[in-house]
Amino acid sequence: MTKLLWRLAALFLLAATAAGASGQELLSRPEIPDYAPPDWAEKDQQAAPRSLALEYLDAAALAVALCLATYLALVRRSRRGLFVLAIASVAWFGFWRKGCVCAIGSIQNVTLAAFDPSYAVTWSIVVFFALPLVFTLFFGRTFCAAVCPLGAVQELVAVRPVKVPAWLEHALGLLAYVYLGLAILYAATSTAFVICEYDPFVGFFRLGANANMMVLGLCFLVIGVFVGRPYCRYLCPYGVVLRWLSRLSKWHVRIPPEECIQCRLCEDACPYGAIRAPTVDQPAAERARGRRRLAGLLLLLPVLVVLGAWLGRHLGAPLSRLNPTVSLAERVWLEENDRVEGTVDQSDAFRQTGQSIESLYAEAGALRATFAVGGGWLGAWVGLVIGFKLIHLTIRRRRIDYQPDRGSCVSCARCFWYCPGEQVRLGLIEDVAAVTKPS
């Protein structure tokens, strides 16, 4: 435990050092030539620049919150402490910072910097992108537990969560991988920051937004009363990366096997389906069928990747229509060929620049070709994810005790709150048998 605390201290010092290296705007939108975002996005999705001192304070607050969440989840195992920290995170990173200190949206900044040499990602963005990943690699998804404002606000409203059927849980979970691929594609092509523009909760954090986004956010919160963290589980692109890294974490929330009495209360209490029950030995015939199934899926995997790449390449054209240059070229072509009546502000502004229509068409054609290639990679990615999901569901891992799934567990400590062993440790009850014996 002493080593764990020392590592927390070391990570905090690392975060403080990195945060001091930048004085630029946090998570700023890219400067995309000729890009005119919708009025609601321009008005409601961009926060005002922060002063240098406040940027340092935001980065320090992130580091402190991560250290606290890790300590409360892994050392104290305190549900109450994490709940209070979640309220503080919603207040600071949500309403006070208006949702713009956003590790989730930073995926787009990092992607754009990787594909566009003229766009420099700041050290502040690197801190907010990388620090939660580092903590997850060591300690599991403690960032999700009570630090991320999007996750925290959903945790606060999850008062009557119900179990989601396993088949539906796995199917909906694929959406986050698709969303991650789309976000990277649109950021890499300097088209849009779709994660930021369609953030369902930023309207609440900024106390006003486009009516459609307010309705979307309200729907997520209402659904979140009964389905725990719907955005985190089924849409969050950053959560995809956190899920991978959390599986590699050395320290993680766990159910101590020497204390587990297999009362199943933790399984019933977890609204995210993250508690895995002990397995039972299968008959030899069933194991043989499982091996044949696994072999078939391994052979199917490259087929899914190739098929996905083919479909994605053909979807490149419709995907490219979100790009302002492509949509402008299509509009100008329709006007030039009398397919529509009148003009729009964008086409009028283009003609006033004096740029030739042929050059616009050429630029749009090059972008379409880029989207065809990017769409192919996106389709291959989706095929790969589906294939690995099927393989993952086929492989059986032997368990003799109840264990949290390292990828799905968000370290919320609900299981601790209901665990009789934890109740004894906290002095709330004297004997486990008093809780588990039949009434």
Protein backbone atom coordinates (compact mmCIF):
# COMPACT_ATOMS: atom_id res chain seq x y z
CA MET A 1 0.00 0.00 0.00
CA THR A 2 2.91 2.33 0.69
CA LYS A 3 4.17 1.75 -2.86
CA LEU A 4 0.73 2.65 -4.19
CA LEU A 5 0.71 5.96 -2.32
CA TRP A 6 4.21 6.78 -3.50
CA ARG A 7 3.19 6.13 -7.11
CA LEU A 8 0.20 8.42 -6.69
CA ALA A 9 2.49 11.14 -5.40
CA ALA A 10 4.88 10.64 -8.31
CA LEU A 11 2.09 10.90 -10.85
CA PHE A 12 0.81 14.05 -9.20
CA LEU A 13 4.23 15.68 -9.45
CA LEU A 14 4.46 14.61 -13.10
CA ALA A 15 1.09 16.20 -13.82
CA ALA A 16 2.03 19.43 -12.09
CA THR A 17 5.27 19.64 -14.08
CA ALA A 18 3.53 19.02 -17.40
CA ALA A 19 0.78 21.49 -16.62
CA GLY A 20 3.31 24.26 -16.10
CA ALA A 21 4.66 23.91 -19.63
CA SER A 22 1.77 25.57 -21.43
CA GLY A 23 -0.12 28.81 -21.32
CA GLN A 24 -2.35 28.30 -24.33
CA GLU A 25 -6.06 27.71 -24.57
CA LEU A 26 -7.32 24.34 -23.37
CA LEU A 27 -8.96 22.07 -25.91
CA SER A 28 -9.44 24.80 -28.47
CA ARG A 29 -11.28 24.01 -31.68
CA PRO A 30 -9.07 23.65 -34.75
CA GLU A 31 -8.62 26.56 -37.07
CA ILE A 32 -10.09 24.94 -40.17
CA PRO A 33 -9.99 27.02 -43.36
CA ASP A 34 -13.40 27.76 -44.86
CA TYR A 35 -15.12 25.93 -42.01
CA ALA A 36 -18.30 27.65 -40.85
CA PRO A 37 -19.83 25.72 -37.95
CA PRO A 38 -23.55 26.05 -37.28
CA ASP A 39 -24.61 29.00 -35.19
CA TRP A 40 -25.48 26.83 -32.22
CA ALA A 41 -22.09 25.11 -32.29
CA GLU A 42 -20.24 28.41 -32.52
CA LYS A 43 -22.28 29.88 -29.70
CA ASP A 44 -22.74 26.98 -27.34
CA GLN A 45 -19.79 24.66 -27.86
CA GLN A 46 -16.85 27.03 -27.37
CA ALA A 47 -15.79 28.27 -23.97
CA ALA A 48 -13.98 31.53 -23.49
CA PRO A 49 -10.16 31.31 -23.24
CA ARG A 50 -8.76 30.90 -19.74
CA SER A 51 -6.02 32.93 -18.17
CA LEU A 52 -2.64 31.28 -17.66
CA ALA A 53 -3.11 30.99 -13.89
CA LEU A 54 -6.53 29.38 -14.29
CA GLU A 55 -5.16 26.89 -16.80
CA TYR A 56 -2.54 25.86 -14.25
CA LEU A 57 -5.29 25.59 -11.66
CA ASP A 58 -7.43 23.40 -13.95
CA ALA A 59 -4.54 21.02 -14.63
CA ALA A 60 -3.69 20.85 -10.92
CA ALA A 61 -7.37 20.19 -10.11
CA LEU A 62 -7.39 17.31 -12.58
CA ALA A 63 -4.30 15.76 -10.99
CA VAL A 64 -5.64 16.18 -7.45
CA ALA A 65 -9.03 14.73 -8.43
CA LEU A 66 -7.39 11.71 -10.07
CA CYS A 67 -5.27 11.09 -6.98
CA LEU A 68 -8.30 11.40 -4.71
CA ALA A 69 -10.44 9.12 -6.86
CA THR A 70 -7.69 6.49 -6.93
CA TYR A 71 -7.15 6.70 -3.18
CA LEU A 72 -10.88 6.54 -2.41
CA ALA A 73 -11.51 3.64 -4.79
CA LEU A 74 -8.47 1.44 -4.16
CA VAL A 75 -7.34 2.31 -0.63
CA ARG A 76 -10.35 3.58 1.31
CA ARG A 77 -12.91 1.77 -0.89
CA SER A 78 -15.29 4.58 -0.03
CA ARG A 79 -18.51 4.95 -1.97
CA ARG A 80 -19.41 8.07 0.01
CA GLY A 81 -16.08 9.71 -0.73
CA LEU A 82 -16.38 9.04 -4.46
CA PHE A 83 -19.94 10.37 -4.45
CA VAL A 84 -18.80 13.65 -2.88
CA LEU A 85 -15.90 13.86 -5.35
CA ALA A 86 -18.33 13.32 -8.23
CA ILE A 87 -20.36 16.32 -7.05
CA ALA A 88 -17.19 18.41 -6.87
CA SER A 89 -16.14 17.32 -10.38
CA VAL A 90 -19.53 18.24 -11.85
CA ALA A 91 -19.30 21.62 -10.12
CA TRP A 92 -15.69 22.35 -11.20
CA PHE A 93 -15.13 20.63 -14.54
CA GLY A 94 -18.78 20.88 -15.51
CA PHE A 95 -20.52 24.08 -14.47
CA TRP A 96 -17.47 26.18 -13.51
CA ARG A 97 -15.34 25.14 -16.50
CA LYS A 98 -18.45 24.76 -18.70
CA GLY A 99 -17.41 21.28 -19.81
CA CYS A 100 -14.38 22.49 -21.74
CA VAL A 101 -11.69 20.81 -19.71
CA CYS A 102 -12.54 17.65 -21.59
CA ALA A 103 -10.32 14.63 -21.91
CA ILE A 104 -12.92 13.07 -24.21
CA GLY A 105 -12.80 15.88 -26.75
CA SER A 106 -9.01 16.02 -26.64
CA ILE A 107 -8.95 12.91 -28.83
CA GLN A 108 -9.78 15.19 -31.73
CA ASN A 109 -7.03 17.71 -30.94
CA VAL A 110 -4.41 14.96 -30.79
CA THR A 111 -5.73 13.41 -34.03
CA LEU A 112 -5.72 16.70 -35.91
CA ALA A 113 -2.17 17.43 -34.74
CA ALA A 114 -1.07 14.01 -35.99
CA PHE A 115 -2.51 14.58 -39.48
CA ASP A 116 -2.03 18.34 -39.89
CA PRO A 117 1.53 19.62 -39.31
CA SER A 118 0.27 23.20 -39.12
CA TYR A 119 -1.84 22.42 -36.04
CA ALA A 120 0.18 22.29 -32.83
CA VAL A 121 -1.36 20.57 -29.85
CA THR A 122 -0.52 22.37 -26.63
CA TRP A 123 0.97 20.87 -23.49
CA SER A 124 -2.27 21.64 -21.68
CA ILE A 125 -4.19 19.46 -24.10
CA VAL A 126 -1.58 16.72 -23.71
CA VAL A 127 -2.06 16.81 -19.93
CA PHE A 128 -5.83 16.45 -20.15
CA PHE A 129 -5.55 13.76 -22.80
CA ALA A 130 -2.71 11.70 -21.33
CA LEU A 131 -2.98 12.00 -17.54
CA PRO A 132 -6.26 10.01 -17.20
CA LEU A 133 -4.77 7.38 -19.52
CA VAL A 134 -1.67 7.05 -17.33
CA PHE A 135 -3.77 6.69 -14.19
CA THR A 136 -5.96 4.09 -15.92
CA LEU A 137 -2.91 2.11 -16.98
CA PHE A 138 -1.80 1.88 -13.34
CA PHE A 139 -5.04 1.93 -11.33
CA GLY A 140 -8.01 1.19 -13.61
CA ARG A 141 -10.81 3.56 -14.58
CA THR A 142 -10.71 5.83 -11.53
CA PHE A 143 -11.04 8.80 -13.92
CA CYS A 144 -14.49 7.50 -14.82
CA ALA A 145 -15.35 6.89 -11.17
CA ALA A 146 -15.74 10.52 -10.10
CA VAL A 147 -13.47 12.85 -12.11
CA CYS A 148 -14.93 12.98 -15.62
CA PRO A 149 -17.86 15.44 -15.42
CA LEU A 150 -19.86 13.51 -18.02
CA GLY A 151 -19.52 10.29 -16.08
CA ALA A 152 -20.04 11.99 -12.73
CA VAL A 153 -23.32 13.66 -13.70
CA GLN A 154 -24.65 10.32 -14.92
CA GLU A 155 -23.49 8.61 -11.72
CA LEU A 156 -25.42 11.15 -9.66
CA VAL A 157 -28.73 10.48 -11.46
CA ALA A 158 -28.44 6.66 -11.51
CA VAL A 159 -30.87 6.18 -8.64
CA ARG A 160 -32.91 3.22 -9.95
CA PRO A 161 -30.65 1.40 -12.40
CA VAL A 162 -31.85 -1.85 -13.91
CA LYS A 163 -29.91 -4.71 -15.46
CA VAL A 164 -29.38 -4.54 -19.21
CA PRO A 165 -29.52 -7.95 -20.93
CA ALA A 166 -26.05 -9.20 -21.77
CA TRP A 167 -26.74 -9.52 -25.50
CA LEU A 168 -27.99 -5.92 -25.65
CA GLU A 169 -25.09 -4.69 -23.53
CA HIS A 170 -22.55 -6.19 -25.93
CA ALA A 171 -24.39 -4.96 -29.03
CA LEU A 172 -24.77 -1.36 -27.82
CA GLY A 173 -21.18 -1.34 -26.60
CA LEU A 174 -20.01 -1.53 -30.23
CA LEU A 175 -21.42 1.96 -30.89
CA ALA A 176 -18.60 3.61 -28.93
CA TYR A 177 -16.01 2.02 -31.23
CA VAL A 178 -17.85 3.29 -34.31
CA TYR A 179 -18.13 6.75 -32.76
CA LEU A 180 -14.41 6.77 -31.98
CA GLY A 181 -13.62 5.88 -35.60
CA LEU A 182 -15.91 8.60 -36.94
CA ALA A 183 -14.48 11.22 -34.58
CA ILE A 184 -10.93 10.40 -35.68
CA LEU A 185 -11.92 10.45 -39.37
CA TYR A 186 -13.59 13.87 -39.16
CA ALA A 187 -10.82 15.36 -37.03
CA ALA A 188 -8.08 13.97 -39.30
CA THR A 189 -9.75 15.52 -42.37
CA SER A 190 -10.22 18.91 -40.62
CA THR A 191 -13.97 18.52 -41.03
CA ALA A 192 -15.40 18.89 -37.54
CA PHE A 193 -14.95 18.06 -33.88
CA VAL A 194 -18.09 15.93 -33.67
CA ILE A 195 -17.49 14.83 -30.06
CA CYS A 196 -17.59 18.44 -28.88
CA GLU A 197 -20.40 19.54 -31.16
CA TYR A 198 -22.66 16.70 -30.07
CA ASP A 199 -21.73 16.56 -26.40
CA PRO A 200 -25.10 15.83 -24.74
CA PHE A 201 -24.30 17.54 -21.43
CA VAL A 202 -22.46 20.71 -22.41
CA GLY A 203 -25.78 22.56 -22.72
CA PHE A 204 -26.53 21.92 -19.06
CA PHE A 205 -23.02 22.83 -17.99
CA ARG A 206 -23.27 26.15 -19.83
CA LEU A 207 -26.85 26.76 -18.71
CA GLY A 208 -28.12 27.19 -22.23
CA ALA A 209 -27.68 25.57 -25.63
CA ASN A 210 -29.45 24.66 -28.83
CA ALA A 211 -32.88 23.21 -28.08
CA ASN A 212 -32.09 19.94 -29.84
CA MET A 213 -28.96 19.39 -27.77
CA MET A 214 -30.79 20.27 -24.56
CA VAL A 215 -33.43 17.65 -25.41
CA LEU A 216 -30.70 15.11 -26.19
CA GLY A 217 -28.96 15.77 -22.89
CA LEU A 218 -32.24 15.57 -21.00
CA CYS A 219 -32.99 12.23 -22.65
CA PHE A 220 -29.61 10.86 -21.57
CA LEU A 221 -30.21 12.00 -18.00
CA VAL A 222 -33.71 10.51 -17.87
CA ILE A 223 -32.48 7.24 -19.34
CA GLY A 224 -29.55 7.39 -16.90
CA VAL A 225 -31.97 7.16 -13.98
CA PHE A 226 -32.78 3.59 -15.04
CA VAL A 227 -29.80 2.60 -17.22
CA GLY A 228 -26.52 3.41 -15.49
CA ARG A 229 -24.27 5.77 -17.47
CA PRO A 230 -25.72 5.24 -20.96
CA TYR A 231 -23.31 7.68 -22.63
CA CYS A 232 -20.25 6.21 -20.88
CA ARG A 233 -21.15 2.62 -21.70
CA TYR A 234 -22.45 2.93 -25.24
CA LEU A 235 -21.04 6.10 -26.83
CA CYS A 236 -17.99 7.51 -25.04
CA PRO A 237 -15.01 7.25 -27.45
CA TYR A 238 -12.49 8.00 -24.71
CA GLY A 239 -13.96 5.15 -22.72
CA VAL A 240 -12.89 2.77 -25.49
CA VAL A 241 -9.23 3.62 -24.87
CA LEU A 242 -9.72 3.56 -21.10
CA ARG A 243 -11.27 0.10 -21.36
CA TRP A 244 -8.18 -1.24 -23.14
CA LEU A 245 -5.72 0.31 -20.70
CA SER A 246 -7.72 -0.71 -17.65
CA ARG A 247 -7.34 -4.37 -18.59
CA LEU A 248 -3.57 -3.89 -18.25
CA SER A 249 -3.68 -2.09 -14.92
CA LYS A 250 -1.56 -3.58 -12.12
CA TRP A 251 -3.77 -2.20 -9.33
CA HIS A 252 -7.51 -2.29 -9.74
CA VAL A 253 -10.69 -2.37 -7.71
CA ARG A 254 -11.10 -5.98 -6.64
CA ILE A 255 -13.14 -8.26 -4.47
CA PRO A 256 -10.69 -9.84 -2.01
CA PRO A 257 -11.12 -13.63 -2.42
CA GLU A 258 -10.21 -14.27 1.21
CA GLU A 259 -13.16 -12.09 2.27
CA CYS A 260 -15.73 -12.99 -0.40
CA ILE A 261 -18.62 -15.08 0.93
CA GLN A 262 -20.28 -15.27 -2.52
CA CYS A 263 -23.47 -13.58 -1.33
CA ARG A 264 -23.97 -12.08 -4.85
CA LEU A 265 -24.84 -8.67 -3.41
CA CYS A 266 -22.05 -7.03 -5.40
CA GLU A 267 -23.36 -8.57 -8.62
CA ASP A 268 -26.86 -7.32 -7.88
CA ALA A 269 -25.63 -3.86 -6.85
CA CYS A 270 -23.50 -3.18 -9.95
CA PRO A 271 -25.64 -1.31 -12.51
CA TYR A 272 -22.99 -1.70 -15.22
CA GLY A 273 -22.83 -5.48 -15.47
CA ALA A 274 -19.16 -5.35 -14.50
CA ILE A 275 -19.15 -8.15 -11.89
CA ARG A 276 -18.21 -11.55 -13.29
CA ALA A 277 -19.55 -14.60 -11.47
CA PRO A 278 -17.55 -17.78 -10.81
CA THR A 279 -17.56 -20.20 -13.72
CA VAL A 280 -18.64 -23.82 -13.71
CA ASP A 281 -16.82 -26.66 -15.40
CA GLN A 282 -18.22 -27.54 -18.81
CA PRO A 283 -18.70 -31.03 -20.19
CA ALA A 284 -16.04 -32.22 -22.62
CA ALA A 285 -18.46 -32.07 -25.55
CA GLU A 286 -19.28 -28.41 -24.86
CA ARG A 287 -15.60 -27.51 -24.59
CA ALA A 288 -14.97 -29.18 -27.96
CA ARG A 289 -17.81 -27.17 -29.52
CA GLY A 290 -16.34 -24.03 -28.05
CA ARG A 291 -12.94 -24.74 -29.59
CA ARG A 292 -14.52 -25.32 -33.00
CA ARG A 293 -16.49 -22.08 -32.62
CA LEU A 294 -13.32 -20.20 -31.77
CA ALA A 295 -11.47 -21.64 -34.76
CA GLY A 296 -14.32 -20.61 -37.06
CA LEU A 297 -14.33 -17.05 -35.70
CA LEU A 298 -10.56 -16.75 -36.13
CA LEU A 299 -11.02 -17.67 -39.79
CA LEU A 300 -13.95 -15.23 -40.07
CA LEU A 301 -11.99 -12.31 -38.63
CA PRO A 302 -10.06 -11.34 -41.82
CA VAL A 303 -13.29 -11.70 -43.82
CA LEU A 304 -15.03 -9.20 -41.53
CA VAL A 305 -12.11 -6.78 -41.83
CA VAL A 306 -12.05 -6.96 -45.64
CA LEU A 307 -15.83 -6.70 -45.92
CA GLY A 308 -15.83 -3.73 -43.53
CA ALA A 309 -13.11 -2.00 -45.53
CA TRP A 310 -15.08 -2.50 -48.76
CA LEU A 311 -18.30 -1.14 -47.26
CA GLY A 312 -16.49 1.75 -45.59
CA ARG A 313 -14.84 2.78 -48.85
CA HIS A 314 -18.22 2.98 -50.54
CA LEU A 315 -19.55 5.04 -47.63
CA GLY A 316 -16.75 7.59 -48.08
CA ALA A 317 -18.88 9.80 -50.35
CA PRO A 318 -21.83 10.23 -47.97
CA LEU A 319 -19.45 10.63 -45.03
CA SER A 320 -17.62 13.42 -46.86
CA ARG A 321 -20.77 15.56 -47.09
CA LEU A 322 -20.20 16.82 -43.56
CA ASN A 323 -17.02 18.48 -44.78
CA PRO A 324 -17.82 22.17 -45.53
CA THR A 325 -15.76 22.21 -48.73
CA VAL A 326 -17.48 19.14 -50.13
CA SER A 327 -20.95 20.38 -49.17
CA LEU A 328 -20.17 23.79 -50.69
CA ALA A 329 -18.98 22.19 -53.94
CA GLU A 330 -22.17 20.13 -54.15
CA ARG A 331 -24.31 23.22 -53.56
CA VAL A 332 -22.45 25.25 -56.19
CA TRP A 333 -22.78 22.39 -58.68
CA LEU A 334 -26.53 22.23 -58.09
CA GLU A 335 -26.82 25.98 -58.58
CA GLU A 336 -24.66 25.98 -61.72
CA ASN A 337 -26.73 23.20 -63.27
CA ASP A 338 -30.11 24.76 -62.33
CA ARG A 339 -30.97 21.88 -60.01
CA VAL A 340 -32.04 24.28 -57.25
CA GLU A 341 -33.54 27.75 -57.16
CA GLY A 342 -31.60 30.67 -55.79
CA THR A 343 -28.36 30.69 -53.80
CA VAL A 344 -27.31 30.42 -50.18
CA ASP A 345 -24.98 32.54 -48.09
CA GLN A 346 -22.10 30.06 -48.41
CA SER A 347 -22.24 29.93 -52.21
CA ASP A 348 -22.54 33.72 -52.43
CA ALA A 349 -19.52 34.14 -50.16
CA PHE A 350 -17.54 31.70 -52.29
CA ARG A 351 -18.25 33.55 -55.51
CA GLN A 352 -17.18 36.81 -53.90
CA THR A 353 -13.74 35.35 -53.19
CA GLY A 354 -12.97 35.13 -56.91
CA GLN A 355 -11.87 31.51 -56.64
CA SER A 356 -12.64 29.44 -59.72
CA ILE A 357 -15.35 26.82 -59.55
CA GLU A 358 -13.00 24.28 -61.10
CA SER A 359 -10.53 24.67 -58.24
CA LEU A 360 -13.37 24.18 -55.74
CA TYR A 361 -14.44 21.02 -57.54
CA ALA A 362 -10.86 19.77 -57.59
CA GLU A 363 -10.45 20.38 -53.86
CA ALA A 364 -13.74 18.64 -53.12
CA GLY A 365 -12.72 15.72 -55.32
CA ALA A 366 -9.45 15.32 -53.44
CA LEU A 367 -11.36 15.36 -50.17
CA ARG A 368 -13.77 12.73 -51.46
CA ALA A 369 -10.80 10.52 -52.34
CA THR A 370 -9.41 11.05 -48.84
CA PHE A 371 -12.74 10.09 -47.31
CA ALA A 372 -12.86 6.98 -49.47
CA VAL A 373 -9.52 5.88 -48.01
CA GLY A 374 -10.52 6.96 -44.50
CA GLY A 375 -13.88 5.25 -44.85
CA GLY A 376 -12.08 2.04 -45.81
CA TRP A 377 -9.96 2.23 -42.67
CA LEU A 378 -13.07 3.01 -40.62
CA GLY A 379 -14.89 0.00 -42.05
CA ALA A 380 -11.89 -2.25 -41.43
CA TRP A 381 -11.77 -0.98 -37.84
CA VAL A 382 -15.46 -1.77 -37.31
CA GLY A 383 -15.03 -5.24 -38.82
CA LEU A 384 -12.03 -5.87 -36.58
CA VAL A 385 -13.96 -4.74 -33.49
CA ILE A 386 -16.93 -6.98 -34.31
CA GLY A 387 -14.63 -9.92 -34.93
CA PHE A 388 -12.75 -9.46 -31.68
CA LYS A 389 -16.02 -9.03 -29.79
CA LEU A 390 -17.27 -12.38 -31.08
CA ILE A 391 -13.96 -14.03 -30.21
CA HIS A 392 -13.99 -12.45 -26.73
CA LEU A 393 -17.48 -13.81 -26.08
CA THR A 394 -16.42 -17.29 -27.19
CA ILE A 395 -13.37 -17.56 -24.92
CA ARG A 396 -14.23 -18.79 -21.43
CA ARG A 397 -12.01 -17.74 -18.54
CA ARG A 398 -12.02 -19.81 -15.38
CA ARG A 399 -13.04 -17.95 -12.21
CA ILE A 400 -13.52 -19.38 -8.75
CA ASP A 401 -14.66 -16.10 -7.13
CA TYR A 402 -16.64 -13.02 -8.06
CA GLN A 403 -14.39 -10.55 -9.88
CA PRO A 404 -14.91 -7.12 -11.44
CA ASP A 405 -14.34 -7.00 -15.17
CA ARG A 406 -11.30 -4.74 -15.54
CA GLY A 407 -12.54 -3.18 -18.75
CA SER A 408 -16.15 -2.51 -17.77
CA CYS A 409 -15.63 -1.57 -14.11
CA VAL A 410 -15.64 2.21 -13.59
CA SER A 411 -14.47 1.97 -9.95
CA CYS A 412 -17.67 3.56 -8.62
CA ALA A 413 -17.47 1.49 -5.36
CA ARG A 414 -21.17 0.57 -5.38
CA CYS A 415 -20.16 -3.06 -4.84
CA PHE A 416 -18.23 -2.07 -1.70
CA TRP A 417 -21.23 -0.25 -0.28
CA TYR A 418 -23.35 -3.41 -0.43
CA CYS A 419 -20.62 -5.92 0.49
CA PRO A 420 -21.13 -7.46 3.97
CA GLY A 421 -17.36 -7.83 4.37
CA GLU A 422 -16.95 -4.12 3.76
CA GLN A 423 -19.73 -3.35 6.22
CA VAL A 424 -17.81 -5.31 8.87
CA ARG A 425 -14.57 -3.51 7.96
CA LEU A 426 -16.27 -0.14 8.37
CA GLY A 427 -17.79 -1.16 11.71
CA LEU A 428 -21.36 -0.79 10.48
CA ILE A 429 -22.18 -4.40 11.35
CA GLU A 430 -20.46 -6.88 13.64
CA ASP A 431 -21.12 -10.21 11.94
CA VAL A 432 -21.44 -11.11 8.26
CA ALA A 433 -23.79 -13.92 9.18
CA ALA A 434 -26.29 -11.36 10.48
CA VAL A 435 -26.66 -10.03 6.95
CA THR A 436 -26.47 -13.25 4.95
CA LYS A 437 -28.53 -15.63 7.08
CA PRO A 438 -32.08 -16.39 5.86
CA SER A 439 -34.83 -14.26 7.36
